[in-house]
Amino acid sequence: MEAWAINGWCKEAIFNLKLPMKSRYKEVSTILATMSTILTENEIPHKLACKHLYHDRDEVTVHMWLRPDTHCGF
């Protein structure tokens, strides 16, 4: 997803991250922190939101806004 953002292929994206069997919170936190670092290093203003929409599924849904200060009031 970082490549899409860096190359300007999207302004906003919604995607799922599959969760590992162990250390789910830690793994998701690490992934989101890494994504944020990469986007910041490439000077791409962004906002990431993550939610576990289905309690019985092993995935979380992430919403990535690029340039959040220029649209949607973020």
PDB file of N, CA and C in Angstrom:
ATOM      1  N   MET A   1       0.818  -1.184   0.000  1.00  0.00           N
ATOM      2  CA  MET A   1       0.000   0.000   0.000  1.00  0.00           C
ATOM      3  C   MET A   1       0.866   1.253   0.000  1.00  0.00           C
ATOM      4  N   GLU A   2       2.032   1.135   0.633  1.00  0.00           N
ATOM      5  CA  GLU A   2       2.924   2.287   0.642  1.00  0.00           C
ATOM      6  C   GLU A   2       3.358   2.652  -0.784  1.00  0.00           C
ATOM      7  N   ALA A   3       3.614   1.639  -1.611  1.00  0.00           N
ATOM      8  CA  ALA A   3       4.014   1.890  -3.000  1.00  0.00           C
ATOM      9  C   ALA A   3       2.914   2.633  -3.753  1.00  0.00           C
ATOM     10  N   TRP A   4       1.668   2.256  -3.508  1.00  0.00           N
ATOM     11  CA  TRP A   4       0.549   2.941  -4.159  1.00  0.00           C
ATOM     12  C   TRP A   4       0.540   4.411  -3.757  1.00  0.00           C
ATOM     13  N   ALA A   5       0.741   4.667  -2.483  1.00  0.00           N
ATOM     14  CA  ALA A   5       0.745   6.043  -1.996  1.00  0.00           C
ATOM     15  C   ALA A   5       1.919   6.834  -2.573  1.00  0.00           C
ATOM     16  N   ILE A   6       3.097   6.251  -2.527  1.00  0.00           N
ATOM     17  CA  ILE A   6       4.307   6.934  -3.007  1.00  0.00           C
ATOM     18  C   ILE A   6       4.213   7.237  -4.499  1.00  0.00           C
ATOM     19  N   ASN A   7       3.647   6.325  -5.271  1.00  0.00           N
ATOM     20  CA  ASN A   7       3.532   6.515  -6.719  1.00  0.00           C
ATOM     21  C   ASN A   7       2.312   7.336  -7.129  1.00  0.00           C
ATOM     22  N   GLY A   8       1.504   7.746  -6.169  1.00  0.00           N
ATOM     23  CA  GLY A   8       0.335   8.569  -6.474  1.00  0.00           C
ATOM     24  C   GLY A   8      -0.794   7.800  -7.134  1.00  0.00           C
ATOM     25  N   TRP A   9      -0.836   6.497  -6.913  1.00  0.00           N
ATOM     26  CA  TRP A   9      -1.862   5.661  -7.551  1.00  0.00           C
ATOM     27  C   TRP A   9      -3.195   5.709  -6.816  1.00  0.00           C
ATOM     28  N   CYS A  10      -3.226   6.333  -5.643  1.00  0.00           N
ATOM     29  CA  CYS A  10      -4.490   6.471  -4.907  1.00  0.00           C
ATOM     30  C   CYS A  10      -4.419   7.695  -4.010  1.00  0.00           C
ATOM     31  N   LYS A  11      -5.580   8.204  -3.643  1.00  0.00           N
ATOM     32  CA  LYS A  11      -5.683   9.297  -2.685  1.00  0.00           C
ATOM     33  C   LYS A  11      -6.230   8.790  -1.367  1.00  0.00           C
ATOM     34  N   GLU A  12      -6.847   7.628  -1.443  1.00  0.00           N
ATOM     35  CA  GLU A  12      -7.489   7.027  -0.287  1.00  0.00           C
ATOM     36  C   GLU A  12      -7.597   5.530  -0.566  1.00  0.00           C
ATOM     37  N   ALA A  13      -7.483   4.725   0.479  1.00  0.00           N
ATOM     38  CA  ALA A  13      -7.585   3.276   0.277  1.00  0.00           C
ATOM     39  C   ALA A  13      -8.180   2.603   1.510  1.00  0.00           C
ATOM     40  N   ILE A  14      -8.942   1.568   1.258  1.00  0.00           N
ATOM     41  CA  ILE A  14      -9.465   0.716   2.320  1.00  0.00           C
ATOM     42  C   ILE A  14      -8.991  -0.695   1.994  1.00  0.00           C
ATOM     43  N   PHE A  15      -8.346  -1.331   2.974  1.00  0.00           N
ATOM     44  CA  PHE A  15      -7.804  -2.661   2.737  1.00  0.00           C
ATOM     45  C   PHE A  15      -7.806  -3.460   4.033  1.00  0.00           C
ATOM     46  N   ASN A  16      -7.710  -4.761   3.916  1.00  0.00           N
ATOM     47  CA  ASN A  16      -7.685  -5.647   5.083  1.00  0.00           C
ATOM     48  C   ASN A  16      -6.272  -6.138   5.337  1.00  0.00           C
ATOM     49  N   LEU A  17      -5.962  -6.289   6.617  1.00  0.00           N
ATOM     50  CA  LEU A  17      -4.722  -6.929   7.040  1.00  0.00           C
ATOM     51  C   LEU A  17      -5.102  -8.233   7.728  1.00  0.00           C
ATOM     52  N   LYS A  18      -4.556  -9.320   7.247  1.00  0.00           N
ATOM     53  CA  LYS A  18      -4.805 -10.622   7.870  1.00  0.00           C
ATOM     54  C   LYS A  18      -3.999 -10.708   9.164  1.00  0.00           C
ATOM     55  N   LEU A  19      -4.619 -11.211  10.206  1.00  0.00           N
ATOM     56  CA  LEU A  19      -3.981 -11.266  11.512  1.00  0.00           C
ATOM     57  C   LEU A  19      -3.272 -12.595  11.729  1.00  0.00           C
ATOM     58  N   PRO A  20      -2.094 -12.549  12.363  1.00  0.00           N
ATOM     59  CA  PRO A  20      -1.419 -13.797  12.716  1.00  0.00           C
ATOM     60  C   PRO A  20      -2.137 -14.443  13.901  1.00  0.00           C
ATOM     61  N   MET A  21      -1.824 -15.664  14.185  1.00  0.00           N
ATOM     62  CA  MET A  21      -2.485 -16.373  15.283  1.00  0.00           C
ATOM     63  C   MET A  21      -2.087 -15.820  16.655  1.00  0.00           C
ATOM     64  N   LYS A  22      -0.857 -15.347  16.785  1.00  0.00           N
ATOM     65  CA  LYS A  22      -0.372 -14.835  18.070  1.00  0.00           C
ATOM     66  C   LYS A  22       0.044 -13.373  17.929  1.00  0.00           C
ATOM     67  N   SER A  23       0.044 -12.670  19.023  1.00  0.00           N
ATOM     68  CA  SER A  23       0.510 -11.274  19.098  1.00  0.00           C
ATOM     69  C   SER A  23      -0.175 -10.388  18.069  1.00  0.00           C
ATOM     70  N   ARG A  24      -1.468 -10.515  17.945  1.00  0.00           N
ATOM     71  CA  ARG A  24      -2.211  -9.774  16.921  1.00  0.00           C
ATOM     72  C   ARG A  24      -2.079  -8.266  17.073  1.00  0.00           C
ATOM     73  N   TYR A  25      -2.331  -7.761  18.277  1.00  0.00           N
ATOM     74  CA  TYR A  25      -2.269  -6.314  18.491  1.00  0.00           C
ATOM     75  C   TYR A  25      -0.873  -5.786  18.192  1.00  0.00           C
ATOM     76  N   LYS A  26       0.133  -6.489  18.696  1.00  0.00           N
ATOM     77  CA  LYS A  26       1.521  -6.070  18.484  1.00  0.00           C
ATOM     78  C   LYS A  26       1.861  -6.038  16.993  1.00  0.00           C
ATOM     79  N   GLU A  27       1.457  -7.055  16.267  1.00  0.00           N
ATOM     80  CA  GLU A  27       1.768  -7.133  14.834  1.00  0.00           C
ATOM     81  C   GLU A  27       1.082  -6.014  14.050  1.00  0.00           C
ATOM     82  N   VAL A  28      -0.198  -5.768  14.323  1.00  0.00           N
ATOM     83  CA  VAL A  28      -0.923  -4.700  13.629  1.00  0.00           C
ATOM     84  C   VAL A  28      -0.305  -3.343  13.970  1.00  0.00           C
ATOM     85  N   SER A  29       0.028  -3.145  15.237  1.00  0.00           N
ATOM     86  CA  SER A  29       0.667  -1.889  15.648  1.00  0.00           C
ATOM     87  C   SER A  29       1.986  -1.678  14.918  1.00  0.00           C
ATOM     88  N   THR A  30       2.767  -2.734  14.788  1.00  0.00           N
ATOM     89  CA  THR A  30       4.054  -2.651  14.085  1.00  0.00           C
ATOM     90  C   THR A  30       3.850  -2.319  12.606  1.00  0.00           C
ATOM     91  N   ILE A  31       2.895  -2.975  11.978  1.00  0.00           N
ATOM     92  CA  ILE A  31       2.625  -2.731  10.555  1.00  0.00           C
ATOM     93  C   ILE A  31       2.182  -1.290  10.331  1.00  0.00           C
ATOM     94  N   LEU A  32       1.258  -0.801  11.142  1.00  0.00           N
ATOM     95  CA  LEU A  32       0.765   0.574  10.974  1.00  0.00           C
ATOM     96  C   LEU A  32       1.863   1.594  11.249  1.00  0.00           C
ATOM     97  N   ALA A  33       2.705   1.341  12.243  1.00  0.00           N
ATOM     98  CA  ALA A  33       3.820   2.242  12.535  1.00  0.00           C
ATOM     99  C   ALA A  33       4.819   2.271  11.378  1.00  0.00           C
ATOM    100  N   THR A  34       5.093   1.105  10.803  1.00  0.00           N
ATOM    101  CA  THR A  34       6.009   1.027   9.665  1.00  0.00           C
ATOM    102  C   THR A  34       5.443   1.771   8.458  1.00  0.00           C
ATOM    103  N   MET A  35       4.155   1.571   8.191  1.00  0.00           N
ATOM    104  CA  MET A  35       3.506   2.277   7.081  1.00  0.00           C
ATOM    105  C   MET A  35       3.600   3.779   7.286  1.00  0.00           C
ATOM    106  N   SER A  36       3.297   4.227   8.495  1.00  0.00           N
ATOM    107  CA  SER A  36       3.332   5.653   8.794  1.00  0.00           C
ATOM    108  C   SER A  36       4.743   6.224   8.623  1.00  0.00           C
ATOM    109  N   THR A  37       5.734   5.482   9.077  1.00  0.00           N
ATOM    110  CA  THR A  37       7.129   5.919   8.932  1.00  0.00           C
ATOM    111  C   THR A  37       7.506   6.063   7.461  1.00  0.00           C
ATOM    112  N   ILE A  38       7.160   5.083   6.659  1.00  0.00           N
ATOM    113  CA  ILE A  38       7.487   5.117   5.227  1.00  0.00           C
ATOM    114  C   ILE A  38       6.800   6.296   4.549  1.00  0.00           C
ATOM    115  N   LEU A  39       5.533   6.521   4.849  1.00  0.00           N
ATOM    116  CA  LEU A  39       4.811   7.642   4.243  1.00  0.00           C
ATOM    117  C   LEU A  39       5.400   8.977   4.692  1.00  0.00           C
ATOM    118  N   THR A  40       5.744   9.090   5.971  1.00  0.00           N
ATOM    119  CA  THR A  40       6.350  10.324   6.487  1.00  0.00           C
ATOM    120  C   THR A  40       7.702  10.573   5.839  1.00  0.00           C
ATOM    121  N   GLU A  41       8.523   9.536   5.712  1.00  0.00           N
ATOM    122  CA  GLU A  41       9.834   9.670   5.070  1.00  0.00           C
ATOM    123  C   GLU A  41       9.704  10.131   3.625  1.00  0.00           C
ATOM    124  N   ASN A  42       8.601   9.788   2.976  1.00  0.00           N
ATOM    125  CA  ASN A  42       8.357  10.202   1.594  1.00  0.00           C
ATOM    126  C   ASN A  42       7.525  11.478   1.519  1.00  0.00           C
ATOM    127  N   GLU A  43       7.400  12.156   2.669  1.00  0.00           N
ATOM    128  CA  GLU A  43       6.714  13.445   2.767  1.00  0.00           C
ATOM    129  C   GLU A  43       5.281  13.395   2.252  1.00  0.00           C
ATOM    130  N   ILE A  44       4.583  12.325   2.603  1.00  0.00           N
ATOM    131  CA  ILE A  44       3.186  12.164   2.208  1.00  0.00           C
ATOM    132  C   ILE A  44       2.318  12.333   3.456  1.00  0.00           C
ATOM    133  N   PRO A  45       1.594  13.461   3.539  1.00  0.00           N
ATOM    134  CA  PRO A  45       0.684  13.624   4.678  1.00  0.00           C
ATOM    135  C   PRO A  45      -0.363  12.514   4.638  1.00  0.00           C
ATOM    136  N   HIS A  46      -0.662  11.956   5.794  1.00  0.00           N
ATOM    137  CA  HIS A  46      -1.567  10.806   5.813  1.00  0.00           C
ATOM    138  C   HIS A  46      -2.249  10.668   7.162  1.00  0.00           C
ATOM    139  N   LYS A  47      -3.275   9.841   7.158  1.00  0.00           N
ATOM    140  CA  LYS A  47      -3.955   9.426   8.379  1.00  0.00           C
ATOM    141  C   LYS A  47      -4.341   7.968   8.182  1.00  0.00           C
ATOM    142  N   LEU A  48      -4.078   7.155   9.196  1.00  0.00           N
ATOM    143  CA  LEU A  48      -4.435   5.748   9.158  1.00  0.00           C
ATOM    144  C   LEU A  48      -5.441   5.459  10.268  1.00  0.00           C
ATOM    145  N   ALA A  49      -6.482   4.734   9.929  1.00  0.00           N
ATOM    146  CA  ALA A  49      -7.460   4.283  10.925  1.00  0.00           C
ATOM    147  C   ALA A  49      -7.626   2.782  10.746  1.00  0.00           C
ATOM    148  N   CYS A  50      -7.765   2.088  11.857  1.00  0.00           N
ATOM    149  CA  CYS A  50      -7.843   0.624  11.809  1.00  0.00           C
ATOM    150  C   CYS A  50      -8.956   0.157  12.730  1.00  0.00           C
ATOM    151  N   LYS A  51      -9.728  -0.815  12.252  1.00  0.00           N
ATOM    152  CA  LYS A  51     -10.847  -1.326  13.040  1.00  0.00           C
ATOM    153  C   LYS A  51     -11.031  -2.818  12.780  1.00  0.00           C
ATOM    154  N   HIS A  52     -11.351  -3.512  13.839  1.00  0.00           N
ATOM    155  CA  HIS A  52     -11.675  -4.939  13.730  1.00  0.00           C
ATOM    156  C   HIS A  52     -13.191  -5.006  13.542  1.00  0.00           C
ATOM    157  N   LEU A  53     -13.652  -5.107  12.316  1.00  0.00           N
ATOM    158  CA  LEU A  53     -15.068  -4.999  12.000  1.00  0.00           C
ATOM    159  C   LEU A  53     -15.866  -6.258  12.321  1.00  0.00           C
ATOM    160  N   TYR A  54     -15.237  -7.396  12.226  1.00  0.00           N
ATOM    161  CA  TYR A  54     -15.938  -8.659  12.451  1.00  0.00           C
ATOM    162  C   TYR A  54     -15.203  -9.449  13.528  1.00  0.00           C
ATOM    163  N   HIS A  55     -15.832  -9.628  14.675  1.00  0.00           N
ATOM    164  CA  HIS A  55     -15.158 -10.284  15.796  1.00  0.00           C
ATOM    165  C   HIS A  55     -14.759 -11.729  15.499  1.00  0.00           C
ATOM    166  N   ASP A  56     -15.391 -12.334  14.513  1.00  0.00           N
ATOM    167  CA  ASP A  56     -15.104 -13.742  14.219  1.00  0.00           C
ATOM    168  C   ASP A  56     -14.174 -13.926  13.017  1.00  0.00           C
ATOM    169  N   ARG A  57     -13.575 -12.843  12.553  1.00  0.00           N
ATOM    170  CA  ARG A  57     -12.653 -12.949  11.404  1.00  0.00           C
ATOM    171  C   ARG A  57     -11.243 -12.568  11.837  1.00  0.00           C
ATOM    172  N   ASP A  58     -10.289 -13.187  11.223  1.00  0.00           N
ATOM    173  CA  ASP A  58      -8.887 -12.935  11.552  1.00  0.00           C
ATOM    174  C   ASP A  58      -8.303 -11.853  10.657  1.00  0.00           C
ATOM    175  N   GLU A  59      -8.939 -10.680  10.684  1.00  0.00           N
ATOM    176  CA  GLU A  59      -8.470  -9.563   9.869  1.00  0.00           C
ATOM    177  C   GLU A  59      -8.953  -8.253  10.476  1.00  0.00           C
ATOM    178  N   VAL A  60      -8.245  -7.187  10.152  1.00  0.00           N
ATOM    179  CA  VAL A  60      -8.684  -5.844  10.500  1.00  0.00           C
ATOM    180  C   VAL A  60      -8.790  -5.046   9.206  1.00  0.00           C
ATOM    181  N   THR A  61      -9.606  -4.021   9.218  1.00  0.00           N
ATOM    182  CA  THR A  61      -9.777  -3.159   8.051  1.00  0.00           C
ATOM    183  C   THR A  61      -9.079  -1.836   8.330  1.00  0.00           C
ATOM    184  N   VAL A  62      -8.286  -1.394   7.371  1.00  0.00           N
ATOM    185  CA  VAL A  62      -7.522  -0.156   7.502  1.00  0.00           C
ATOM    186  C   VAL A  62      -8.027   0.847   6.474  1.00  0.00           C
ATOM    187  N   HIS A  63      -8.179   2.087   6.907  1.00  0.00           N
ATOM    188  CA  HIS A  63      -8.533   3.187   6.005  1.00  0.00           C
ATOM    189  C   HIS A  63      -7.342   4.127   5.981  1.00  0.00           C
ATOM    190  N   MET A  64      -6.793   4.346   4.806  1.00  0.00           N
ATOM    191  CA  MET A  64      -5.640   5.215   4.632  1.00  0.00           C
ATOM    192  C   MET A  64      -6.065   6.436   3.827  1.00  0.00           C
ATOM    193  N   TRP A  65      -5.940   7.612   4.448  1.00  0.00           N
ATOM    194  CA  TRP A  65      -6.200   8.870   3.748  1.00  0.00           C
ATOM    195  C   TRP A  65      -4.857   9.508   3.433  1.00  0.00           C
ATOM    196  N   LEU A  66      -4.683   9.929   2.218  1.00  0.00           N
ATOM    197  CA  LEU A  66      -3.474  10.646   1.837  1.00  0.00           C
ATOM    198  C   LEU A  66      -3.824  12.118   1.689  1.00  0.00           C
ATOM    199  N   ARG A  67      -2.935  12.953   2.135  1.00  0.00           N
ATOM    200  CA  ARG A  67      -3.173  14.387   2.150  1.00  0.00           C
ATOM    201  C   ARG A  67      -4.453  14.711   2.934  1.00  0.00           C
ATOM    202  N   PRO A  68      -4.576  14.199   4.167  1.00  0.00           N
ATOM    203  CA  PRO A  68      -5.802  14.358   4.932  1.00  0.00           C
ATOM    204  C   PRO A  68      -6.137  15.811   5.256  1.00  0.00           C
ATOM    205  N   ASP A  69      -5.142  16.684   5.187  1.00  0.00           N
ATOM    206  CA  ASP A  69      -5.393  18.100   5.495  1.00  0.00           C
ATOM    207  C   ASP A  69      -6.073  18.823   4.339  1.00  0.00           C
ATOM    208  N   THR A  70      -6.178  18.199   3.163  1.00  0.00           N
ATOM    209  CA  THR A  70      -6.730  18.887   2.002  1.00  0.00           C
ATOM    210  C   THR A  70      -8.114  18.414   1.601  1.00  0.00           C
ATOM    211  N   HIS A  71      -8.644  17.389   2.270  1.00  0.00           N
ATOM    212  CA  HIS A  71     -10.004  16.933   1.952  1.00  0.00           C
ATOM    213  C   HIS A  71     -10.620  16.233   3.164  1.00  0.00           C
ATOM    214  N   CYS A  72     -11.879  16.057   3.149  1.00  0.00           N
ATOM    215  CA  CYS A  72     -12.622  15.323   4.174  1.00  0.00           C
ATOM    216  C   CYS A  72     -12.534  15.966   5.551  1.00  0.00           C
ATOM    217  N   GLY A  73     -12.004  17.175   5.658  1.00  0.00           N
ATOM    218  CA  GLY A  73     -11.961  17.852   6.947  1.00  0.00           C
ATOM    219  C   GLY A  73     -10.977  17.292   7.949  1.00  0.00           C
ATOM    220  N   PHE A  74     -10.039  16.463   7.524  1.00  0.00           N
ATOM    221  CA  PHE A  74      -9.055  15.891   8.459  1.00  0.00           C
ATOM    222  C   PHE A  74      -7.788  16.683   8.448  1.00  0.00           C
TER     223      PHE A  74
END
